[in-house]
Amino acid sequence: MKRITVLLADDHTIVREGIRKLLELEKDIQIVGEADDGRQAVALVKKFRPAVVLMDIAMPLLNGLEATRQIRKDVPDTKVLILSAHGHAAFVKQVTELGAAGFLLKQTSSAVLATAIREVQKGNTFFSPAIARQLLGRDPKSLGRSGQFKNKSNHLSSREMEVLQLIAEGQANKQVAAELGVSFKTVDKHRQHLMGKLNIHDVAGLTRYAIAEGIIESSERVPIG
């Protein structure tokens, strides 16, 4: 029997360990890797090409939203299944528009989680009941023929989204440049572009925007200026 390959992406080690132990009881599911931030998740998906990636949203360096966008673009055969403690409408809206195949709350039972993995691997969608109710309230015209939500282009580029998250997490341009492996001038250029697109011209404003859009959690430090 060919097993469903799964990559776990969550920045809490104890959560990954718990999910791994639960899924290892399923004979048709195989865990092929673990990531503790979104950037590592994207790299490991490219390396292992799993059938499904189980993705948290709130992760450092690169959040699950942007990681989902990059995975769907670079490895479209891999299905993204969101597993989050937060079912905020903004999160659900963004990940469905980005092409996630499902969204589960972390209160989900192990049996339902295993079922969800099997369903999205088949090409179906799967949502926790509370999330499904949110989706039923959406505009049906936004649905594609498959029943999934049509992707909408984001006005920020993928790299601008990365820079935005790192700045909102409190990193200076020099630190962002080192993290992304680019020059200081390149980071400053991206920063100016995203500020212009968002019409936000200070770090505190960028941080508030990042929180509102679910890019970082509200527990992150909000800079003064």
N, C-alpha and C. Protein backbone atom coordinates (compact mmCIF):
# COMPACT_ATOMS: atom_id res chain seq x y z
N MET A 1 0.85 -1.19 0.00
CA MET A 1 0.00 0.00 0.00
C MET A 1 0.88 1.24 0.00
N LYS A 2 0.63 2.14 -0.94
CA LYS A 2 1.38 3.39 -1.01
C LYS A 2 0.85 4.35 0.04
N ARG A 3 1.74 4.84 0.87
CA ARG A 3 1.33 5.72 1.95
C ARG A 3 1.32 7.19 1.52
N ILE A 4 0.49 7.98 2.18
CA ILE A 4 0.40 9.41 1.91
C ILE A 4 1.54 10.10 2.65
N THR A 5 2.40 10.77 1.92
CA THR A 5 3.53 11.46 2.55
C THR A 5 3.10 12.83 3.05
N VAL A 6 3.51 13.14 4.29
CA VAL A 6 3.07 14.37 4.95
C VAL A 6 4.26 15.09 5.56
N LEU A 7 4.29 16.41 5.40
CA LEU A 7 5.27 17.26 6.05
C LEU A 7 4.56 18.09 7.12
N LEU A 8 5.14 18.16 8.32
CA LEU A 8 4.56 18.93 9.41
C LEU A 8 5.27 20.27 9.52
N ALA A 9 4.51 21.37 9.58
CA ALA A 9 5.09 22.70 9.71
C ALA A 9 4.41 23.43 10.86
N ASP A 10 5.13 23.55 11.97
CA ASP A 10 4.62 24.23 13.17
C ASP A 10 5.83 24.64 14.00
N ASP A 11 5.80 25.85 14.55
CA ASP A 11 6.98 26.31 15.29
C ASP A 11 7.04 25.82 16.72
N HIS A 12 6.05 25.04 17.16
CA HIS A 12 6.06 24.46 18.50
C HIS A 12 6.45 22.97 18.41
N THR A 13 7.61 22.66 18.97
CA THR A 13 8.13 21.29 18.90
C THR A 13 7.17 20.28 19.51
N ILE A 14 6.58 20.63 20.64
CA ILE A 14 5.70 19.69 21.33
C ILE A 14 4.44 19.40 20.50
N VAL A 15 3.99 20.39 19.74
CA VAL A 15 2.83 20.19 18.87
C VAL A 15 3.18 19.23 17.74
N ARG A 16 4.36 19.44 17.11
CA ARG A 16 4.79 18.54 16.03
C ARG A 16 4.97 17.12 16.55
N GLU A 17 5.56 16.99 17.73
CA GLU A 17 5.77 15.65 18.29
C GLU A 17 4.44 14.95 18.54
N GLY A 18 3.47 15.70 19.05
CA GLY A 18 2.16 15.11 19.31
C GLY A 18 1.46 14.68 18.03
N ILE A 19 1.50 15.54 17.01
CA ILE A 19 0.86 15.21 15.74
C ILE A 19 1.56 14.01 15.09
N ARG A 20 2.89 14.00 15.15
CA ARG A 20 3.64 12.89 14.57
C ARG A 20 3.22 11.56 15.21
N LYS A 21 3.16 11.54 16.53
CA LYS A 21 2.81 10.29 17.23
C LYS A 21 1.40 9.83 16.87
N LEU A 22 0.49 10.80 16.74
CA LEU A 22 -0.88 10.44 16.37
C LEU A 22 -0.95 9.89 14.95
N LEU A 23 -0.27 10.56 14.02
CA LEU A 23 -0.36 10.14 12.62
C LEU A 23 0.44 8.87 12.34
N GLU A 24 1.45 8.61 13.16
CA GLU A 24 2.21 7.37 12.96
C GLU A 24 1.39 6.13 13.26
N LEU A 25 0.24 6.32 13.91
CA LEU A 25 -0.67 5.20 14.17
C LEU A 25 -1.49 4.84 12.93
N GLU A 26 -1.49 5.75 11.95
CA GLU A 26 -2.24 5.53 10.71
C GLU A 26 -1.35 4.81 9.70
N LYS A 27 -1.74 3.63 9.29
CA LYS A 27 -0.89 2.80 8.43
C LYS A 27 -0.68 3.37 7.03
N ASP A 28 -1.60 4.25 6.60
CA ASP A 28 -1.49 4.78 5.24
C ASP A 28 -0.88 6.17 5.19
N ILE A 29 -0.34 6.67 6.33
CA ILE A 29 0.25 8.01 6.38
C ILE A 29 1.70 7.92 6.84
N GLN A 30 2.59 8.64 6.15
CA GLN A 30 4.01 8.65 6.49
C GLN A 30 4.51 10.08 6.65
N ILE A 31 5.09 10.40 7.79
CA ILE A 31 5.68 11.72 8.03
C ILE A 31 7.08 11.73 7.42
N VAL A 32 7.33 12.64 6.50
CA VAL A 32 8.62 12.67 5.80
C VAL A 32 9.52 13.81 6.26
N GLY A 33 8.99 14.74 7.06
CA GLY A 33 9.82 15.84 7.51
C GLY A 33 9.05 16.79 8.42
N GLU A 34 9.80 17.65 9.12
CA GLU A 34 9.21 18.63 10.01
C GLU A 34 9.91 19.97 9.81
N ALA A 35 9.13 21.05 9.90
CA ALA A 35 9.68 22.40 9.77
C ALA A 35 9.17 23.25 10.92
N ASP A 36 10.05 24.15 11.45
CA ASP A 36 9.62 25.00 12.55
C ASP A 36 9.45 26.46 12.14
N ASP A 37 9.56 26.74 10.85
CA ASP A 37 9.19 28.07 10.34
C ASP A 37 8.79 27.92 8.88
N GLY A 38 8.15 28.95 8.36
CA GLY A 38 7.62 28.86 7.00
C GLY A 38 8.67 28.71 5.93
N ARG A 39 9.82 29.36 6.11
CA ARG A 39 10.87 29.27 5.10
C ARG A 39 11.42 27.84 5.01
N GLN A 40 11.60 27.21 6.16
CA GLN A 40 12.06 25.83 6.16
C GLN A 40 11.00 24.91 5.56
N ALA A 41 9.74 25.21 5.80
CA ALA A 41 8.67 24.40 5.23
C ALA A 41 8.71 24.42 3.71
N VAL A 42 8.89 25.60 3.14
CA VAL A 42 8.97 25.72 1.68
C VAL A 42 10.16 24.92 1.14
N ALA A 43 11.31 25.04 1.81
CA ALA A 43 12.51 24.33 1.36
C ALA A 43 12.33 22.82 1.43
N LEU A 44 11.71 22.34 2.51
CA LEU A 44 11.53 20.89 2.66
C LEU A 44 10.47 20.34 1.71
N VAL A 45 9.46 21.15 1.41
CA VAL A 45 8.47 20.72 0.42
C VAL A 45 9.13 20.55 -0.94
N LYS A 46 10.00 21.48 -1.30
CA LYS A 46 10.72 21.37 -2.57
C LYS A 46 11.62 20.14 -2.58
N LYS A 47 12.17 19.80 -1.43
CA LYS A 47 13.09 18.66 -1.34
C LYS A 47 12.37 17.32 -1.36
N PHE A 48 11.33 17.20 -0.53
CA PHE A 48 10.67 15.90 -0.36
C PHE A 48 9.42 15.71 -1.23
N ARG A 49 8.85 16.80 -1.73
CA ARG A 49 7.64 16.73 -2.55
C ARG A 49 6.54 15.88 -1.89
N PRO A 50 6.15 16.22 -0.65
CA PRO A 50 5.11 15.43 0.02
C PRO A 50 3.76 15.61 -0.63
N ALA A 51 2.88 14.66 -0.41
CA ALA A 51 1.53 14.77 -0.95
C ALA A 51 0.77 15.88 -0.24
N VAL A 52 1.02 16.02 1.08
CA VAL A 52 0.29 16.99 1.89
C VAL A 52 1.26 17.66 2.85
N VAL A 53 1.12 18.97 3.04
CA VAL A 53 1.84 19.67 4.09
C VAL A 53 0.82 20.19 5.09
N LEU A 54 1.02 19.83 6.35
CA LEU A 54 0.15 20.28 7.43
C LEU A 54 0.74 21.56 7.98
N MET A 55 0.08 22.67 7.76
CA MET A 55 0.69 23.99 7.92
C MET A 55 0.02 24.82 9.02
N ASP A 56 0.83 25.29 9.98
CA ASP A 56 0.35 26.28 10.94
C ASP A 56 0.43 27.64 10.27
N ILE A 57 -0.30 28.62 10.79
CA ILE A 57 -0.26 29.97 10.21
C ILE A 57 0.79 30.84 10.89
N ALA A 58 0.75 30.89 12.22
CA ALA A 58 1.64 31.79 12.95
C ALA A 58 3.00 31.14 13.15
N MET A 59 3.94 31.45 12.26
CA MET A 59 5.30 30.94 12.37
C MET A 59 6.29 32.07 12.10
N PRO A 60 7.47 31.99 12.71
CA PRO A 60 8.46 33.07 12.52
C PRO A 60 9.09 33.04 11.13
N LEU A 61 9.74 34.16 10.78
CA LEU A 61 10.50 34.32 9.55
C LEU A 61 9.62 34.34 8.30
N LEU A 62 8.77 33.34 8.17
CA LEU A 62 7.83 33.29 7.04
C LEU A 62 6.57 32.61 7.56
N ASN A 63 5.46 33.33 7.58
CA ASN A 63 4.23 32.76 8.13
C ASN A 63 3.60 31.75 7.19
N GLY A 64 2.62 31.03 7.70
CA GLY A 64 1.99 29.98 6.91
C GLY A 64 1.24 30.48 5.70
N LEU A 65 0.78 31.74 5.74
CA LEU A 65 0.08 32.31 4.59
C LEU A 65 1.02 32.44 3.40
N GLU A 66 2.16 33.08 3.63
CA GLU A 66 3.12 33.27 2.54
C GLU A 66 3.76 31.95 2.14
N ALA A 67 4.01 31.07 3.11
CA ALA A 67 4.55 29.74 2.78
C ALA A 67 3.59 28.98 1.88
N THR A 68 2.29 29.10 2.16
CA THR A 68 1.28 28.45 1.31
C THR A 68 1.34 28.99 -0.11
N ARG A 69 1.44 30.31 -0.24
CA ARG A 69 1.50 30.92 -1.57
C ARG A 69 2.71 30.40 -2.35
N GLN A 70 3.86 30.33 -1.68
CA GLN A 70 5.08 29.88 -2.37
C GLN A 70 5.01 28.40 -2.73
N ILE A 71 4.47 27.59 -1.84
CA ILE A 71 4.34 26.15 -2.12
C ILE A 71 3.38 25.90 -3.27
N ARG A 72 2.25 26.59 -3.27
CA ARG A 72 1.27 26.38 -4.34
C ARG A 72 1.83 26.83 -5.69
N LYS A 73 2.73 27.81 -5.66
CA LYS A 73 3.34 28.28 -6.90
C LYS A 73 4.45 27.35 -7.38
N ASP A 74 5.31 26.91 -6.44
CA ASP A 74 6.50 26.16 -6.82
C ASP A 74 6.29 24.65 -6.84
N VAL A 75 5.40 24.15 -6.00
CA VAL A 75 5.15 22.70 -5.94
C VAL A 75 3.63 22.48 -5.92
N PRO A 76 2.97 22.74 -7.03
CA PRO A 76 1.50 22.72 -7.04
C PRO A 76 0.88 21.36 -6.75
N ASP A 77 1.64 20.28 -6.92
CA ASP A 77 1.08 18.96 -6.63
C ASP A 77 0.94 18.69 -5.13
N THR A 78 1.65 19.44 -4.31
CA THR A 78 1.53 19.29 -2.87
C THR A 78 0.30 20.05 -2.37
N LYS A 79 -0.54 19.36 -1.63
CA LYS A 79 -1.74 19.98 -1.07
C LYS A 79 -1.41 20.59 0.28
N VAL A 80 -1.92 21.79 0.54
CA VAL A 80 -1.69 22.46 1.81
C VAL A 80 -2.95 22.35 2.66
N LEU A 81 -2.78 21.79 3.85
CA LEU A 81 -3.87 21.66 4.81
C LEU A 81 -3.49 22.49 6.04
N ILE A 82 -4.25 23.55 6.29
CA ILE A 82 -3.97 24.44 7.41
C ILE A 82 -4.47 23.82 8.70
N LEU A 83 -3.63 23.83 9.74
CA LEU A 83 -4.02 23.40 11.07
C LEU A 83 -3.64 24.53 12.03
N SER A 84 -4.62 25.27 12.50
CA SER A 84 -4.35 26.48 13.27
C SER A 84 -5.22 26.55 14.52
N ALA A 85 -4.70 27.25 15.53
CA ALA A 85 -5.49 27.47 16.74
C ALA A 85 -6.51 28.57 16.53
N HIS A 86 -6.34 29.34 15.46
CA HIS A 86 -7.20 30.49 15.21
C HIS A 86 -7.97 30.32 13.90
N GLY A 87 -9.29 30.46 13.99
CA GLY A 87 -10.11 30.35 12.80
C GLY A 87 -10.67 31.69 12.37
N HIS A 88 -9.89 32.76 12.57
CA HIS A 88 -10.37 34.09 12.21
C HIS A 88 -10.73 34.15 10.73
N ALA A 89 -11.77 34.91 10.43
CA ALA A 89 -12.25 35.02 9.06
C ALA A 89 -11.16 35.50 8.11
N ALA A 90 -10.29 36.41 8.60
CA ALA A 90 -9.22 36.93 7.75
C ALA A 90 -8.26 35.82 7.34
N PHE A 91 -7.95 34.92 8.29
CA PHE A 91 -7.06 33.80 7.98
C PHE A 91 -7.70 32.87 6.96
N VAL A 92 -8.95 32.52 7.21
CA VAL A 92 -9.66 31.58 6.33
C VAL A 92 -9.75 32.16 4.92
N LYS A 93 -10.10 33.43 4.82
CA LYS A 93 -10.23 34.09 3.53
C LYS A 93 -8.91 34.03 2.76
N GLN A 94 -7.82 34.38 3.44
CA GLN A 94 -6.53 34.44 2.76
C GLN A 94 -6.05 33.07 2.30
N VAL A 95 -6.12 32.07 3.18
CA VAL A 95 -5.55 30.77 2.79
C VAL A 95 -6.38 30.08 1.72
N THR A 96 -7.68 30.28 1.73
CA THR A 96 -8.48 29.68 0.66
C THR A 96 -8.20 30.37 -0.67
N GLU A 97 -8.02 31.68 -0.62
CA GLU A 97 -7.68 32.40 -1.84
C GLU A 97 -6.30 32.02 -2.36
N LEU A 98 -5.41 31.63 -1.45
CA LEU A 98 -4.06 31.24 -1.83
C LEU A 98 -3.98 29.80 -2.32
N GLY A 99 -5.06 29.05 -2.17
CA GLY A 99 -5.09 27.70 -2.72
C GLY A 99 -4.97 26.58 -1.72
N ALA A 100 -5.11 26.86 -0.42
CA ALA A 100 -5.09 25.79 0.57
C ALA A 100 -6.29 24.87 0.34
N ALA A 101 -6.07 23.58 0.54
CA ALA A 101 -7.12 22.60 0.27
C ALA A 101 -8.03 22.39 1.46
N GLY A 102 -7.64 22.90 2.62
CA GLY A 102 -8.48 22.71 3.79
C GLY A 102 -7.99 23.54 4.96
N PHE A 103 -8.83 23.63 5.98
CA PHE A 103 -8.50 24.42 7.17
C PHE A 103 -9.12 23.72 8.36
N LEU A 104 -8.26 23.28 9.29
CA LEU A 104 -8.72 22.61 10.51
C LEU A 104 -8.29 23.42 11.73
N LEU A 105 -9.13 23.43 12.74
CA LEU A 105 -8.76 24.02 14.02
C LEU A 105 -8.01 22.97 14.83
N LYS A 106 -7.13 23.42 15.72
CA LYS A 106 -6.30 22.49 16.48
C LYS A 106 -7.09 21.71 17.53
N GLN A 107 -8.36 22.05 17.71
CA GLN A 107 -9.22 21.26 18.58
C GLN A 107 -9.67 19.97 17.89
N THR A 108 -9.32 19.83 16.61
CA THR A 108 -9.75 18.69 15.81
C THR A 108 -9.21 17.38 16.38
N SER A 109 -10.01 16.32 16.33
CA SER A 109 -9.58 15.01 16.80
C SER A 109 -8.59 14.39 15.81
N SER A 110 -7.82 13.42 16.28
CA SER A 110 -6.84 12.76 15.41
C SER A 110 -7.52 12.02 14.27
N ALA A 111 -8.70 11.47 14.53
CA ALA A 111 -9.42 10.74 13.49
C ALA A 111 -9.84 11.68 12.36
N VAL A 112 -10.33 12.85 12.73
CA VAL A 112 -10.75 13.83 11.73
C VAL A 112 -9.53 14.35 10.97
N LEU A 113 -8.43 14.56 11.67
CA LEU A 113 -7.19 15.02 11.02
C LEU A 113 -6.74 14.02 9.97
N ALA A 114 -6.73 12.75 10.31
CA ALA A 114 -6.33 11.71 9.35
C ALA A 114 -7.27 11.68 8.15
N THR A 115 -8.57 11.83 8.41
CA THR A 115 -9.55 11.85 7.32
C THR A 115 -9.31 13.04 6.41
N ALA A 116 -9.02 14.19 7.01
CA ALA A 116 -8.77 15.40 6.22
C ALA A 116 -7.56 15.21 5.31
N ILE A 117 -6.51 14.62 5.84
CA ILE A 117 -5.30 14.36 5.03
C ILE A 117 -5.63 13.48 3.84
N ARG A 118 -6.40 12.44 4.07
CA ARG A 118 -6.78 11.53 2.99
C ARG A 118 -7.63 12.24 1.93
N GLU A 119 -8.54 13.09 2.40
CA GLU A 119 -9.43 13.78 1.47
C GLU A 119 -8.68 14.80 0.59
N VAL A 120 -7.81 15.61 1.20
CA VAL A 120 -7.12 16.62 0.39
C VAL A 120 -6.11 15.95 -0.55
N GLN A 121 -5.57 14.81 -0.13
CA GLN A 121 -4.65 14.08 -1.00
C GLN A 121 -5.38 13.60 -2.26
N LYS A 122 -6.67 13.32 -2.13
CA LYS A 122 -7.48 12.88 -3.27
C LYS A 122 -7.87 14.04 -4.18
N GLY A 123 -7.64 15.26 -3.73
CA GLY A 123 -8.03 16.43 -4.51
C GLY A 123 -9.29 17.09 -4.02
N ASN A 124 -9.81 16.63 -2.88
CA ASN A 124 -11.00 17.24 -2.29
C ASN A 124 -10.62 18.33 -1.30
N THR A 125 -11.61 19.06 -0.81
CA THR A 125 -11.37 20.05 0.23
C THR A 125 -11.93 19.52 1.55
N PHE A 126 -11.41 20.04 2.65
CA PHE A 126 -11.88 19.59 3.96
C PHE A 126 -11.72 20.72 4.96
N PHE A 127 -12.81 21.04 5.68
CA PHE A 127 -12.79 22.14 6.64
C PHE A 127 -13.45 21.71 7.95
N SER A 128 -12.95 22.26 9.06
CA SER A 128 -13.64 22.08 10.33
C SER A 128 -15.03 22.67 10.21
N PRO A 129 -16.02 22.12 10.92
CA PRO A 129 -17.40 22.62 10.80
C PRO A 129 -17.52 24.13 10.97
N ALA A 130 -16.82 24.70 11.96
CA ALA A 130 -16.91 26.15 12.17
C ALA A 130 -16.36 26.92 10.98
N ILE A 131 -15.30 26.40 10.38
CA ILE A 131 -14.71 27.05 9.21
C ILE A 131 -15.64 26.91 8.01
N ALA A 132 -16.23 25.73 7.85
CA ALA A 132 -17.16 25.50 6.75
C ALA A 132 -18.33 26.47 6.80
N ARG A 133 -18.80 26.77 8.01
CA ARG A 133 -19.92 27.71 8.15
C ARG A 133 -19.50 29.10 7.69
N GLN A 134 -18.25 29.47 7.98
CA GLN A 134 -17.76 30.77 7.49
C GLN A 134 -17.74 30.80 5.97
N LEU A 135 -17.29 29.70 5.37
CA LEU A 135 -17.18 29.65 3.92
C LEU A 135 -18.54 29.69 3.24
N LEU A 136 -19.55 29.09 3.89
CA LEU A 136 -20.89 29.10 3.31
C LEU A 136 -21.46 30.51 3.24
N GLY A 137 -20.93 31.41 4.05
CA GLY A 137 -21.39 32.78 4.04
C GLY A 137 -20.69 33.63 3.00
N ARG A 138 -19.71 33.02 2.29
CA ARG A 138 -18.99 33.78 1.28
C ARG A 138 -19.80 33.92 0.00
N ASP A 139 -19.39 34.84 -0.86
CA ASP A 139 -20.05 35.07 -2.14
C ASP A 139 -19.85 33.85 -3.04
N PRO A 140 -20.93 33.14 -3.44
CA PRO A 140 -20.77 31.96 -4.29
C PRO A 140 -20.11 32.25 -5.62
N LYS A 141 -20.14 33.51 -6.07
CA LYS A 141 -19.50 33.85 -7.34
C LYS A 141 -17.98 33.73 -7.25
N SER A 142 -17.45 33.71 -5.99
CA SER A 142 -16.01 33.59 -5.83
C SER A 142 -15.55 32.15 -5.90
N LEU A 143 -16.50 31.21 -6.05
CA LEU A 143 -16.13 29.80 -6.11
C LEU A 143 -15.77 29.39 -7.54
N GLY A 144 -14.78 28.52 -7.65
CA GLY A 144 -14.42 27.94 -8.92
C GLY A 144 -15.27 26.70 -9.19
N ARG A 145 -15.08 26.07 -10.33
CA ARG A 145 -15.88 24.88 -10.67
C ARG A 145 -15.65 23.75 -9.68
N SER A 146 -14.45 23.65 -9.11
CA SER A 146 -14.14 22.57 -8.19
C SER A 146 -14.72 22.81 -6.81
N GLY A 147 -15.28 24.01 -6.58
CA GLY A 147 -15.80 24.34 -5.27
C GLY A 147 -14.78 25.07 -4.42
N GLN A 148 -13.55 25.22 -4.90
CA GLN A 148 -12.54 25.96 -4.17
C GLN A 148 -12.64 27.44 -4.54
N PHE A 149 -12.13 28.27 -3.66
CA PHE A 149 -12.17 29.70 -3.93
C PHE A 149 -11.11 30.07 -4.94
N LYS A 150 -11.48 30.93 -5.85
CA LYS A 150 -10.54 31.40 -6.85
C LYS A 150 -9.46 32.26 -6.20
N ASN A 151 -8.25 32.08 -6.64
CA ASN A 151 -7.16 32.90 -6.12
C ASN A 151 -7.30 34.34 -6.62
N LYS A 152 -6.95 35.27 -5.77
CA LYS A 152 -6.92 36.67 -6.15
C LYS A 152 -5.48 37.14 -6.02
N SER A 153 -5.03 37.91 -6.98
CA SER A 153 -3.65 38.36 -6.94
C SER A 153 -3.43 39.28 -5.76
N ASN A 154 -2.31 39.11 -5.09
CA ASN A 154 -1.94 39.97 -3.97
C ASN A 154 -1.12 41.12 -4.51
N HIS A 155 -1.39 42.33 -4.05
CA HIS A 155 -0.69 43.49 -4.59
C HIS A 155 0.73 43.60 -4.06
N LEU A 156 1.10 42.81 -3.05
CA LEU A 156 2.48 42.75 -2.61
C LEU A 156 3.14 41.51 -3.19
N SER A 157 4.39 41.66 -3.62
CA SER A 157 5.12 40.51 -4.14
C SER A 157 5.48 39.57 -3.00
N SER A 158 5.88 38.36 -3.35
CA SER A 158 6.27 37.39 -2.35
C SER A 158 7.42 37.91 -1.50
N ARG A 159 8.43 38.51 -2.13
CA ARG A 159 9.57 39.03 -1.39
C ARG A 159 9.16 40.22 -0.50
N GLU A 160 8.25 41.05 -0.99
CA GLU A 160 7.77 42.17 -0.17
C GLU A 160 7.03 41.65 1.06
N MET A 161 6.29 40.55 0.91
CA MET A 161 5.60 39.96 2.04
C MET A 161 6.60 39.44 3.07
N GLU A 162 7.70 38.85 2.59
CA GLU A 162 8.74 38.37 3.51
C GLU A 162 9.37 39.54 4.27
N VAL A 163 9.69 40.59 3.54
CA VAL A 163 10.28 41.77 4.17
C VAL A 163 9.31 42.38 5.18
N LEU A 164 8.05 42.45 4.82
CA LEU A 164 7.03 42.99 5.71
C LEU A 164 6.99 42.21 7.02
N GLN A 165 6.98 40.89 6.94
CA GLN A 165 6.90 40.09 8.16
C GLN A 165 8.12 40.31 9.04
N LEU A 166 9.30 40.30 8.45
CA LEU A 166 10.52 40.46 9.23
C LEU A 166 10.59 41.83 9.89
N ILE A 167 10.17 42.87 9.16
CA ILE A 167 10.14 44.21 9.74
C ILE A 167 9.13 44.25 10.89
N ALA A 168 7.96 43.67 10.67
CA ALA A 168 6.92 43.67 11.70
C ALA A 168 7.34 42.87 12.93
N GLU A 169 8.23 41.91 12.75
CA GLU A 169 8.76 41.14 13.87
C GLU A 169 9.86 41.89 14.61
N GLY A 170 10.19 43.08 14.14
CA GLY A 170 11.13 43.92 14.85
C GLY A 170 12.55 43.92 14.32
N GLN A 171 12.78 43.32 13.14
CA GLN A 171 14.12 43.26 12.60
C GLN A 171 14.45 44.51 11.79
N ALA A 172 15.67 45.01 11.97
CA ALA A 172 16.14 46.16 11.22
C ALA A 172 16.53 45.72 9.80
N ASN A 173 16.70 46.69 8.89
CA ASN A 173 17.03 46.38 7.50
C ASN A 173 18.26 45.48 7.38
N LYS A 174 19.28 45.74 8.21
CA LYS A 174 20.50 44.94 8.16
C LYS A 174 20.23 43.49 8.52
N GLN A 175 19.39 43.27 9.52
CA GLN A 175 19.03 41.91 9.93
C GLN A 175 18.18 41.23 8.86
N VAL A 176 17.28 41.98 8.26
CA VAL A 176 16.44 41.42 7.18
C VAL A 176 17.31 41.01 6.01
N ALA A 177 18.29 41.84 5.67
CA ALA A 177 19.19 41.54 4.56
C ALA A 177 19.95 40.25 4.83
N ALA A 178 20.45 40.08 6.06
CA ALA A 178 21.19 38.88 6.41
C ALA A 178 20.29 37.65 6.37
N GLU A 179 19.06 37.80 6.83
CA GLU A 179 18.12 36.67 6.86
C GLU A 179 17.75 36.22 5.45
N LEU A 180 17.57 37.17 4.55
CA LEU A 180 17.14 36.84 3.19
C LEU A 180 18.31 36.62 2.23
N GLY A 181 19.52 36.95 2.67
CA GLY A 181 20.69 36.76 1.82
C GLY A 181 20.75 37.76 0.67
N VAL A 182 20.32 38.99 0.95
CA VAL A 182 20.34 40.04 -0.07
C VAL A 182 21.05 41.25 0.52
N SER A 183 21.26 42.27 -0.30
CA SER A 183 21.96 43.47 0.16
C SER A 183 21.04 44.37 0.96
N PHE A 184 21.66 45.24 1.75
CA PHE A 184 20.92 46.25 2.51
C PHE A 184 20.08 47.12 1.57
N LYS A 185 20.68 47.52 0.44
CA LYS A 185 19.98 48.38 -0.52
C LYS A 185 18.75 47.68 -1.10
N THR A 186 18.86 46.38 -1.33
CA THR A 186 17.72 45.62 -1.86
C THR A 186 16.58 45.60 -0.86
N VAL A 187 16.90 45.38 0.40
CA VAL A 187 15.86 45.38 1.44
C VAL A 187 15.21 46.75 1.53
N ASP A 188 16.03 47.79 1.51
CA ASP A 188 15.48 49.15 1.61
C ASP A 188 14.56 49.45 0.43
N LYS A 189 14.91 48.94 -0.75
CA LYS A 189 14.07 49.13 -1.94
C LYS A 189 12.73 48.44 -1.76
N HIS A 190 12.77 47.18 -1.29
CA HIS A 190 11.52 46.45 -1.05
C HIS A 190 10.67 47.16 0.01
N ARG A 191 11.34 47.65 1.04
CA ARG A 191 10.63 48.35 2.11
C ARG A 191 9.92 49.59 1.59
N GLN A 192 10.60 50.37 0.76
CA GLN A 192 9.99 51.57 0.20
C GLN A 192 8.83 51.22 -0.71
N HIS A 193 8.98 50.14 -1.50
CA HIS A 193 7.91 49.72 -2.41
C HIS A 193 6.66 49.31 -1.63
N LEU A 194 6.85 48.48 -0.60
CA LEU A 194 5.67 48.00 0.12
C LEU A 194 5.01 49.13 0.91
N MET A 195 5.82 50.07 1.42
CA MET A 195 5.23 51.23 2.10
C MET A 195 4.41 52.07 1.12
N GLY A 196 4.93 52.22 -0.10
CA GLY A 196 4.20 52.97 -1.11
C GLY A 196 2.91 52.29 -1.51
N LYS A 197 2.96 50.97 -1.69
CA LYS A 197 1.76 50.23 -2.09
C LYS A 197 0.69 50.26 -1.00
N LEU A 198 1.13 50.20 0.26
CA LEU A 198 0.18 50.16 1.37
C LEU A 198 -0.19 51.56 1.88
N ASN A 199 0.55 52.57 1.41
CA ASN A 199 0.37 53.94 1.89
C ASN A 199 0.56 53.99 3.41
N ILE A 200 1.58 53.27 3.86
CA ILE A 200 1.96 53.25 5.28
C ILE A 200 3.42 53.64 5.34
N HIS A 201 3.76 54.59 6.19
CA HIS A 201 5.12 55.13 6.12
C HIS A 201 5.88 55.10 7.44
N ASP A 202 5.48 54.18 8.34
CA ASP A 202 6.27 53.97 9.54
C ASP A 202 6.17 52.51 9.95
N VAL A 203 7.12 52.06 10.77
CA VAL A 203 7.19 50.66 11.16
C VAL A 203 5.99 50.26 12.00
N ALA A 204 5.55 51.13 12.89
CA ALA A 204 4.38 50.82 13.71
C ALA A 204 3.15 50.55 12.83
N GLY A 205 2.98 51.36 11.79
CA GLY A 205 1.86 51.16 10.87
C GLY A 205 1.98 49.85 10.13
N LEU A 206 3.19 49.50 9.70
CA LEU A 206 3.40 48.22 9.02
C LEU A 206 3.08 47.06 9.95
N THR A 207 3.47 47.20 11.21
CA THR A 207 3.21 46.14 12.18
C THR A 207 1.72 45.96 12.42
N ARG A 208 1.00 47.09 12.55
CA ARG A 208 -0.45 46.99 12.74
C ARG A 208 -1.10 46.33 11.53
N TYR A 209 -0.63 46.68 10.34
CA TYR A 209 -1.16 46.06 9.11
C TYR A 209 -0.88 44.56 9.12
N ALA A 210 0.35 44.17 9.49
CA ALA A 210 0.72 42.76 9.52
C ALA A 210 -0.15 41.97 10.48
N ILE A 211 -0.46 42.57 11.62
CA ILE A 211 -1.33 41.91 12.60
C ILE A 211 -2.74 41.77 12.04
N ALA A 212 -3.26 42.85 11.46
CA ALA A 212 -4.62 42.84 10.93
C ALA A 212 -4.79 41.82 9.81
N GLU A 213 -3.73 41.62 9.03
CA GLU A 213 -3.80 40.69 7.91
C GLU A 213 -3.40 39.27 8.28
N GLY A 214 -3.10 39.04 9.56
CA GLY A 214 -2.74 37.69 10.01
C GLY A 214 -1.33 37.28 9.64
N ILE A 215 -0.48 38.24 9.28
CA ILE A 215 0.90 37.94 8.89
C ILE A 215 1.74 37.61 10.12
N ILE A 216 1.49 38.31 11.23
CA ILE A 216 2.09 37.97 12.52
C ILE A 216 0.98 37.98 13.55
N GLU A 217 1.26 37.37 14.70
CA GLU A 217 0.28 37.36 15.78
C GLU A 217 0.34 38.67 16.55
N SER A 218 -0.75 39.03 17.19
CA SER A 218 -0.83 40.29 17.91
C SER A 218 0.05 40.32 19.14
N SER A 219 0.56 39.15 19.56
CA SER A 219 1.45 39.10 20.70
C SER A 219 2.84 39.61 20.36
N GLU A 220 3.13 39.79 19.05
CA GLU A 220 4.43 40.30 18.66
C GLU A 220 4.57 41.74 19.16
N ARG A 221 5.81 42.16 19.43
CA ARG A 221 6.08 43.50 19.88
C ARG A 221 5.73 44.52 18.79
N VAL A 222 5.04 45.58 19.17
CA VAL A 222 4.70 46.65 18.23
C VAL A 222 5.68 47.79 18.41
N PRO A 223 6.50 48.09 17.40
CA PRO A 223 7.48 49.18 17.52
C PRO A 223 6.78 50.53 17.69
N ILE A 224 7.49 51.48 18.30
CA ILE A 224 6.93 52.81 18.51
C ILE A 224 7.01 53.65 17.25
N GLY A 225 8.12 53.51 16.49
CA GLY A 225 8.23 54.36 15.32
C GLY A 225 8.90 53.68 14.18
